[in-house]
PDB file of N, CA and C in Angstrom:
ATOM      1  N   UNK A   1       9.100  -3.416 -71.316  1.00  0.00           N
ATOM      2  CA  UNK A   1       8.583  -3.979 -70.083  1.00  0.00           C
ATOM      3  C   UNK A   1       9.726  -4.721 -69.373  1.00  0.00           C
ATOM      4  N   UNK A   2       9.688  -4.653 -68.059  1.00  0.00           N
ATOM      5  CA  UNK A   2      10.704  -5.290 -67.233  1.00  0.00           C
ATOM      6  C   UNK A   2      10.014  -6.099 -66.146  1.00  0.00           C
ATOM      7  N   UNK A   3      10.703  -7.125 -65.661  1.00  0.00           N
ATOM      8  CA  UNK A   3      10.190  -7.888 -64.530  1.00  0.00           C
ATOM      9  C   UNK A   3      11.354  -8.285 -63.632  1.00  0.00           C
ATOM     10  N   UNK A   4      11.047  -8.489 -62.366  1.00  0.00           N
ATOM     11  CA  UNK A   4      12.039  -8.924 -61.397  1.00  0.00           C
ATOM     12  C   UNK A   4      11.908 -10.436 -61.254  1.00  0.00           C
ATOM     13  N   UNK A   5      13.048 -11.109 -61.348  1.00  0.00           N
ATOM     14  CA  UNK A   5      13.073 -12.561 -61.332  1.00  0.00           C
ATOM     15  C   UNK A   5      14.067 -13.041 -60.278  1.00  0.00           C
ATOM     16  N   UNK A   6      13.699 -14.082 -59.535  1.00  0.00           N
ATOM     17  CA  UNK A   6      14.619 -14.730 -58.608  1.00  0.00           C
ATOM     18  C   UNK A   6      15.302 -15.872 -59.354  1.00  0.00           C
ATOM     19  N   UNK A   7      16.635 -15.883 -59.336  1.00  0.00           N
ATOM     20  CA  UNK A   7      17.419 -16.908 -60.018  1.00  0.00           C
ATOM     21  C   UNK A   7      18.201 -17.698 -58.974  1.00  0.00           C
ATOM     22  N   UNK A   8      18.084 -19.020 -59.015  1.00  0.00           N
ATOM     23  CA  UNK A   8      18.807 -19.877 -58.092  1.00  0.00           C
ATOM     24  C   UNK A   8      20.165 -20.270 -58.639  1.00  0.00           C
ATOM     25  N   UNK A   9      21.019 -20.767 -57.767  1.00  0.00           N
ATOM     26  CA  UNK A   9      22.352 -21.203 -58.166  1.00  0.00           C
ATOM     27  C   UNK A   9      22.275 -22.297 -59.223  1.00  0.00           C
ATOM     28  N   UNK A  10      21.204 -23.058 -59.223  1.00  0.00           N
ATOM     29  CA  UNK A  10      21.021 -24.126 -60.214  1.00  0.00           C
ATOM     30  C   UNK A  10      20.302 -23.626 -61.470  1.00  0.00           C
ATOM     31  N   UNK A  11      20.226 -22.279 -61.618  1.00  0.00           N
ATOM     32  CA  UNK A  11      19.616 -21.600 -62.763  1.00  0.00           C
ATOM     33  C   UNK A  11      18.092 -21.743 -62.847  1.00  0.00           C
ATOM     34  N   UNK A  12      17.459 -22.171 -61.772  1.00  0.00           N
ATOM     35  CA  UNK A  12      16.000 -22.193 -61.711  1.00  0.00           C
ATOM     36  C   UNK A  12      15.531 -20.775 -61.468  1.00  0.00           C
ATOM     37  N   UNK A  13      14.534 -20.311 -62.226  1.00  0.00           N
ATOM     38  CA  UNK A  13      14.045 -18.942 -62.059  1.00  0.00           C
ATOM     39  C   UNK A  13      12.589 -18.937 -61.616  1.00  0.00           C
ATOM     40  N   UNK A  14      12.246 -17.878 -60.893  1.00  0.00           N
ATOM     41  CA  UNK A  14      10.871 -17.696 -60.428  1.00  0.00           C
ATOM     42  C   UNK A  14      10.495 -16.237 -60.629  1.00  0.00           C
ATOM     43  N   UNK A  15       9.406 -15.984 -61.324  1.00  0.00           N
ATOM     44  CA  UNK A  15       8.922 -14.626 -61.536  1.00  0.00           C
ATOM     45  C   UNK A  15       8.252 -14.116 -60.274  1.00  0.00           C
ATOM     46  N   UNK A  16       8.395 -12.827 -60.015  1.00  0.00           N
ATOM     47  CA  UNK A  16       7.696 -12.200 -58.901  1.00  0.00           C
ATOM     48  C   UNK A  16       6.254 -11.994 -59.353  1.00  0.00           C
ATOM     49  N   UNK A  17       5.308 -12.414 -58.517  1.00  0.00           N
ATOM     50  CA  UNK A  17       3.897 -12.330 -58.893  1.00  0.00           C
ATOM     51  C   UNK A  17       3.061 -11.921 -57.689  1.00  0.00           C
ATOM     52  N   UNK A  18       1.886 -11.386 -57.986  1.00  0.00           N
ATOM     53  CA  UNK A  18       0.905 -11.021 -56.966  1.00  0.00           C
ATOM     54  C   UNK A  18      -0.445 -11.523 -57.437  1.00  0.00           C
ATOM     55  N   UNK A  19      -1.116 -12.306 -56.607  1.00  0.00           N
ATOM     56  CA  UNK A  19      -2.402 -12.910 -56.964  1.00  0.00           C
ATOM     57  C   UNK A  19      -2.326 -13.684 -58.280  1.00  0.00           C
ATOM     58  N   UNK A  20      -1.203 -14.380 -58.485  1.00  0.00           N
ATOM     59  CA  UNK A  20      -1.046 -15.215 -59.665  1.00  0.00           C
ATOM     60  C   UNK A  20      -0.687 -14.474 -60.936  1.00  0.00           C
ATOM     61  N   UNK A  21      -0.510 -13.154 -60.866  1.00  0.00           N
ATOM     62  CA  UNK A  21      -0.174 -12.365 -62.046  1.00  0.00           C
ATOM     63  C   UNK A  21       1.262 -11.851 -61.920  1.00  0.00           C
ATOM     64  N   UNK A  22       2.071 -12.086 -62.955  1.00  0.00           N
ATOM     65  CA  UNK A  22       3.464 -11.649 -62.949  1.00  0.00           C
ATOM     66  C   UNK A  22       3.514 -10.127 -62.904  1.00  0.00           C
ATOM     67  N   UNK A  23       4.343  -9.611 -62.011  1.00  0.00           N
ATOM     68  CA  UNK A  23       4.485  -8.174 -61.854  1.00  0.00           C
ATOM     69  C   UNK A  23       5.446  -7.664 -62.932  1.00  0.00           C
ATOM     70  N   UNK A  24       5.007  -6.669 -63.710  1.00  0.00           N
ATOM     71  CA  UNK A  24       5.847  -6.068 -64.738  1.00  0.00           C
ATOM     72  C   UNK A  24       5.912  -4.560 -64.517  1.00  0.00           C
ATOM     73  N   UNK A  25       6.950  -3.951 -65.080  1.00  0.00           N
ATOM     74  CA  UNK A  25       7.198  -2.528 -64.920  1.00  0.00           C
ATOM     75  C   UNK A  25       7.469  -1.901 -66.279  1.00  0.00           C
ATOM     76  N   UNK A  26       7.043  -0.662 -66.445  1.00  0.00           N
ATOM     77  CA  UNK A  26       7.243   0.061 -67.699  1.00  0.00           C
ATOM     78  C   UNK A  26       8.693   0.500 -67.879  1.00  0.00           C
ATOM     79  N   UNK A  27       9.361   0.850 -66.765  1.00  0.00           N
ATOM     80  CA  UNK A  27      10.734   1.339 -66.858  1.00  0.00           C
ATOM     81  C   UNK A  27      11.671   0.503 -66.005  1.00  0.00           C
ATOM     82  N   UNK A  28      12.948   0.558 -66.363  1.00  0.00           N
ATOM     83  CA  UNK A  28      13.975  -0.138 -65.591  1.00  0.00           C
ATOM     84  C   UNK A  28      14.038   0.431 -64.174  1.00  0.00           C
ATOM     85  N   UNK A  29      13.879   1.736 -64.052  1.00  0.00           N
ATOM     86  CA  UNK A  29      13.963   2.394 -62.749  1.00  0.00           C
ATOM     87  C   UNK A  29      12.879   1.907 -61.799  1.00  0.00           C
ATOM     88  N   UNK A  30      11.663   1.702 -62.310  1.00  0.00           N
ATOM     89  CA  UNK A  30      10.571   1.162 -61.478  1.00  0.00           C
ATOM     90  C   UNK A  30      10.909  -0.252 -61.013  1.00  0.00           C
ATOM     91  N   UNK A  31      11.427  -1.058 -61.912  1.00  0.00           N
ATOM     92  CA  UNK A  31      11.798  -2.429 -61.564  1.00  0.00           C
ATOM     93  C   UNK A  31      12.935  -2.433 -60.547  1.00  0.00           C
ATOM     94  N   UNK A  32      13.884  -1.535 -60.716  1.00  0.00           N
ATOM     95  CA  UNK A  32      15.017  -1.460 -59.795  1.00  0.00           C
ATOM     96  C   UNK A  32      14.562  -1.067 -58.393  1.00  0.00           C
ATOM     97  N   UNK A  33      13.635  -0.119 -58.300  1.00  0.00           N
ATOM     98  CA  UNK A  33      13.099   0.285 -57.004  1.00  0.00           C
ATOM     99  C   UNK A  33      12.386  -0.889 -56.334  1.00  0.00           C
ATOM    100  N   UNK A  34      11.570  -1.619 -57.096  1.00  0.00           N
ATOM    101  CA  UNK A  34      10.880  -2.795 -56.562  1.00  0.00           C
ATOM    102  C   UNK A  34      11.886  -3.844 -56.091  1.00  0.00           C
ATOM    103  N   UNK A  35      12.938  -4.071 -56.876  1.00  0.00           N
ATOM    104  CA  UNK A  35      13.966  -5.050 -56.510  1.00  0.00           C
ATOM    105  C   UNK A  35      14.615  -4.660 -55.184  1.00  0.00           C
ATOM    106  N   UNK A  36      14.991  -3.399 -55.035  1.00  0.00           N
ATOM    107  CA  UNK A  36      15.647  -2.947 -53.805  1.00  0.00           C
ATOM    108  C   UNK A  36      14.720  -3.085 -52.605  1.00  0.00           C
ATOM    109  N   UNK A  37      13.453  -2.718 -52.769  1.00  0.00           N
ATOM    110  CA  UNK A  37      12.496  -2.865 -51.669  1.00  0.00           C
ATOM    111  C   UNK A  37      12.271  -4.331 -51.332  1.00  0.00           C
ATOM    112  N   UNK A  38      12.231  -5.188 -52.345  1.00  0.00           N
ATOM    113  CA  UNK A  38      12.023  -6.618 -52.132  1.00  0.00           C
ATOM    114  C   UNK A  38      13.191  -7.240 -51.389  1.00  0.00           C
ATOM    115  N   UNK A  39      14.406  -6.817 -51.708  1.00  0.00           N
ATOM    116  CA  UNK A  39      15.583  -7.364 -51.035  1.00  0.00           C
ATOM    117  C   UNK A  39      15.546  -7.065 -49.542  1.00  0.00           C
ATOM    118  N   UNK A  40      14.925  -5.962 -49.153  1.00  0.00           N
ATOM    119  CA  UNK A  40      14.829  -5.606 -47.748  1.00  0.00           C
ATOM    120  C   UNK A  40      13.709  -6.348 -47.034  1.00  0.00           C
ATOM    121  N   UNK A  41      12.663  -6.746 -47.772  1.00  0.00           N
ATOM    122  CA  UNK A  41      11.466  -7.316 -47.150  1.00  0.00           C
ATOM    123  C   UNK A  41      11.302  -8.823 -47.366  1.00  0.00           C
ATOM    124  N   UNK A  42      11.838  -9.342 -48.458  1.00  0.00           N
ATOM    125  CA  UNK A  42      11.629 -10.742 -48.815  1.00  0.00           C
ATOM    126  C   UNK A  42      12.871 -11.543 -48.450  1.00  0.00           C
ATOM    127  N   UNK A  43      12.654 -12.657 -47.766  1.00  0.00           N
ATOM    128  CA  UNK A  43      13.767 -13.516 -47.405  1.00  0.00           C
ATOM    129  C   UNK A  43      13.887 -14.634 -48.426  1.00  0.00           C
ATOM    130  N   UNK A  44      14.972 -14.603 -49.180  1.00  0.00           N
ATOM    131  CA  UNK A  44      15.250 -15.638 -50.167  1.00  0.00           C
ATOM    132  C   UNK A  44      16.366 -16.535 -49.646  1.00  0.00           C
ATOM    133  N   UNK A  45      16.364 -17.800 -50.048  1.00  0.00           N
ATOM    134  CA  UNK A  45      17.497 -18.656 -49.686  1.00  0.00           C
ATOM    135  C   UNK A  45      18.794 -18.049 -50.217  1.00  0.00           C
ATOM    136  N   UNK A  46      19.904 -18.351 -49.554  1.00  0.00           N
ATOM    137  CA  UNK A  46      21.200 -17.784 -49.940  1.00  0.00           C
ATOM    138  C   UNK A  46      21.592 -18.091 -51.375  1.00  0.00           C
ATOM    139  N   UNK A  47      21.073 -19.176 -51.926  1.00  0.00           N
ATOM    140  CA  UNK A  47      21.464 -19.549 -53.286  1.00  0.00           C
ATOM    141  C   UNK A  47      20.593 -18.886 -54.355  1.00  0.00           C
ATOM    142  N   UNK A  48      19.772 -17.901 -53.974  1.00  0.00           N
ATOM    143  CA  UNK A  48      18.944 -17.156 -54.927  1.00  0.00           C
ATOM    144  C   UNK A  48      19.348 -15.688 -54.927  1.00  0.00           C
ATOM    145  N   UNK A  49      19.211 -15.042 -56.079  1.00  0.00           N
ATOM    146  CA  UNK A  49      19.419 -13.603 -56.174  1.00  0.00           C
ATOM    147  C   UNK A  49      18.327 -13.029 -57.061  1.00  0.00           C
ATOM    148  N   UNK A  50      18.029 -11.762 -56.879  1.00  0.00           N
ATOM    149  CA  UNK A  50      17.022 -11.087 -57.697  1.00  0.00           C
ATOM    150  C   UNK A  50      17.717 -10.339 -58.836  1.00  0.00           C
ATOM    151  N   UNK A  51      17.140 -10.444 -60.021  1.00  0.00           N
ATOM    152  CA  UNK A  51      17.659  -9.732 -61.191  1.00  0.00           C
ATOM    153  C   UNK A  51      16.485  -9.081 -61.921  1.00  0.00           C
ATOM    154  N   UNK A  52      16.805  -8.142 -62.793  1.00  0.00           N
ATOM    155  CA  UNK A  52      15.799  -7.497 -63.642  1.00  0.00           C
ATOM    156  C   UNK A  52      15.968  -8.021 -65.061  1.00  0.00           C
ATOM    157  N   UNK A  53      14.868  -8.495 -65.651  1.00  0.00           N
ATOM    158  CA  UNK A  53      14.900  -8.996 -67.027  1.00  0.00           C
ATOM    159  C   UNK A  53      14.024  -8.103 -67.899  1.00  0.00           C
ATOM    160  N   UNK A  54      14.501  -7.817 -69.093  1.00  0.00           N
ATOM    161  CA  UNK A  54      13.719  -7.064 -70.066  1.00  0.00           C
ATOM    162  C   UNK A  54      12.925  -8.030 -70.915  1.00  0.00           C
ATOM    163  N   UNK A  55      11.672  -7.695 -71.161  1.00  0.00           N
ATOM    164  CA  UNK A  55      10.825  -8.553 -71.989  1.00  0.00           C
ATOM    165  C   UNK A  55      10.790  -8.071 -73.406  1.00  0.00           C
TER     166      UNK A  55
END
């Protein structure tokens, strides 16, 4: 299982969630596609980046 996480410069992390449930993916490729789409649609502060974490 994989999840997309926003990591701040101060190492604070935030899981991507929908309706209070953390979004997880079966494959790395699914998570990567979600990450790329999110980078185009979601505005994060400059000190945050999105990464993929394996559970």
